[in-house]
Amino acid sequence: AKGHGFTLSDGNYTTVDYPGAAQTFIRGINDSGTIVGEYTAFTSSGYMRYGFTLSGGNYATVTYPDATTSTTVFSINDTGTIVGWYYDGAKGHGFQAVPPPIPTPEPASIILFGSGLMGLAWARRKFQK
């Protein structure tokens, strides 16, 4: 039997199922609406539990690097920091993960890129004449 996660907002239920998962468990949601939890997938060596985030309709798997069979994400705060648990084959450990910053193009790169596009447009016009 398949297990489903869900949210309830203003009296409306919304099912949350990680694609291809046997089970999905929601553990937390922040003010931005990013959902975190875990899902179970069956592999050739048995079942594996993976953490996940769901933001803007996009799922992302969270697997702690040393995890052997399980990573669970329990919570996410409003800055996007997640906390969870993983199993390394011998014992369980807690973890905290800070999301990487979103790169912002620096003004000089944008100007250089724009200049290159203008040069290409000029060269194309020149050779079309």
Protein backbone atom coordinates (compact mmCIF):
# COMPACT_ATOMS: atom_id res chain seq x y z
CA ALA A 1 0.00 0.00 0.00
CA LYS A 2 1.23 3.46 -0.83
CA GLY A 3 1.48 6.11 1.88
CA HIS A 4 0.69 9.71 1.00
CA GLY A 5 1.67 13.01 2.52
CA PHE A 6 -0.76 15.92 2.52
CA THR A 7 -1.19 19.53 3.50
CA LEU A 8 -4.34 21.13 4.87
CA SER A 9 -4.88 24.84 4.26
CA ASP A 10 -8.15 26.76 4.57
CA GLY A 11 -10.08 23.49 4.66
CA ASN A 12 -8.46 22.14 1.48
CA TYR A 13 -6.37 18.97 1.43
CA THR A 14 -3.53 18.67 -1.07
CA THR A 15 -1.80 15.33 -1.59
CA VAL A 16 1.99 15.40 -1.66
CA ASP A 17 3.68 12.35 -3.23
CA TYR A 18 7.35 12.32 -4.11
CA PRO A 19 7.47 11.01 -7.71
CA GLY A 20 8.02 7.24 -7.81
CA ALA A 21 8.07 6.86 -4.02
CA ALA A 22 6.35 4.07 -2.13
CA GLN A 23 5.60 6.41 0.79
CA THR A 24 5.86 10.14 1.42
CA PHE A 25 5.94 11.77 4.87
CA ILE A 26 5.78 15.53 5.37
CA ARG A 27 7.70 16.75 8.40
CA GLY A 28 7.68 20.55 8.11
CA ILE A 29 6.87 23.68 6.13
CA ASN A 30 8.23 27.21 6.42
CA ASP A 31 6.58 30.60 5.82
CA SER A 32 7.73 30.55 2.17
CA GLY A 33 5.77 27.34 1.62
CA THR A 34 8.81 25.06 1.23
CA ILE A 35 7.86 21.59 2.43
CA VAL A 36 10.36 19.08 3.84
CA GLY A 37 10.08 15.44 4.76
CA GLU A 38 11.11 11.98 3.70
CA TYR A 39 10.13 9.40 1.14
CA THR A 40 10.68 5.66 0.89
CA ALA A 41 11.91 4.04 -2.30
CA PHE A 42 12.48 0.35 -2.87
CA THR A 43 15.87 -0.53 -4.35
CA SER A 44 17.58 -3.81 -5.25
CA SER A 45 19.06 -3.94 -1.73
CA GLY A 46 15.80 -3.17 0.06
CA TYR A 47 14.15 0.09 1.00
CA MET A 48 15.90 3.43 1.32
CA ARG A 49 14.61 6.56 3.02
CA TYR A 50 15.56 9.90 1.51
CA GLY A 51 14.91 13.43 2.67
CA PHE A 52 13.29 15.89 0.29
CA THR A 53 12.33 19.50 -0.19
CA LEU A 54 9.39 20.68 -2.26
CA SER A 55 9.39 24.30 -3.38
CA GLY A 56 7.42 25.89 -6.21
CA GLY A 57 6.31 22.46 -7.43
CA ASN A 58 9.93 21.21 -7.69
CA TYR A 59 11.11 18.26 -5.64
CA ALA A 60 14.75 17.86 -4.58
CA THR A 61 16.23 14.84 -2.81
CA VAL A 62 18.27 15.44 0.34
CA THR A 63 20.75 12.64 1.10
CA TYR A 64 23.38 13.20 3.74
CA PRO A 65 26.80 12.23 2.29
CA ASP A 66 27.55 9.50 4.91
CA ALA A 67 24.03 8.04 4.94
CA THR A 68 23.73 4.34 4.10
CA THR A 69 19.99 3.63 4.34
CA SER A 70 18.22 6.69 5.68
CA THR A 71 18.12 10.47 5.55
CA THR A 72 15.16 12.25 7.11
CA VAL A 73 14.53 16.00 7.04
CA PHE A 74 12.51 17.08 10.07
CA SER A 75 12.25 20.83 9.78
CA ILE A 76 13.04 23.94 7.75
CA ASN A 77 13.21 27.50 9.01
CA ASP A 78 12.41 30.70 7.14
CA THR A 79 16.04 31.14 5.98
CA GLY A 80 15.96 27.67 4.39
CA THR A 81 18.16 25.90 6.94
CA ILE A 82 17.07 22.29 7.35
CA VAL A 83 17.65 19.87 10.21
CA GLY A 84 17.35 16.13 10.07
CA TRP A 85 18.74 12.72 10.84
CA TYR A 86 20.73 10.10 8.93
CA TYR A 87 21.94 6.56 9.53
CA ASP A 88 25.55 5.64 8.60
CA GLY A 89 25.29 1.86 8.98
CA ALA A 90 26.28 1.87 12.65
CA LYS A 91 24.21 4.57 14.32
CA GLY A 92 22.03 7.60 13.72
CA HIS A 93 23.27 11.19 13.62
CA GLY A 94 21.59 14.59 13.51
CA PHE A 95 22.54 17.19 10.93
CA GLN A 96 21.94 20.79 10.00
CA ALA A 97 22.29 21.94 6.39
CA VAL A 98 22.34 25.49 5.14
CA PRO A 99 21.27 25.92 1.52
CA PRO A 100 23.90 27.31 -0.81
CA PRO A 101 23.48 30.98 -1.71
CA ILE A 102 21.85 31.70 -5.04
CA PRO A 103 24.51 33.24 -7.25
CA THR A 104 23.75 36.78 -8.32
CA PRO A 105 25.47 38.05 -11.45
CA GLU A 106 27.79 40.93 -10.75
CA PRO A 107 27.21 44.14 -12.76
CA ALA A 108 30.52 43.84 -14.64
CA SER A 109 29.58 40.37 -15.95
CA ILE A 110 26.23 41.64 -17.15
CA ILE A 111 27.87 44.57 -18.97
CA LEU A 112 30.47 42.26 -20.56
CA PHE A 113 27.76 39.83 -21.70
CA GLY A 114 25.65 42.67 -23.12
CA SER A 115 28.66 44.11 -24.96
CA GLY A 116 29.34 40.71 -26.51
CA LEU A 117 25.73 40.43 -27.72
CA MET A 118 25.90 43.90 -29.24
CA GLY A 119 29.14 42.97 -31.03
CA LEU A 120 27.54 39.83 -32.48
CA ALA A 121 24.53 41.83 -33.69
CA TRP A 122 26.84 44.42 -35.34
CA ALA A 123 28.90 41.68 -37.06
CA ARG A 124 25.79 39.94 -38.33
CA ARG A 125 24.44 43.19 -39.80
CA LYS A 126 27.77 43.94 -41.43
CA PHE A 127 27.97 40.56 -43.16
CA GLN A 128 24.34 40.66 -44.32
CA LYS A 129 24.93 43.81 -46.38
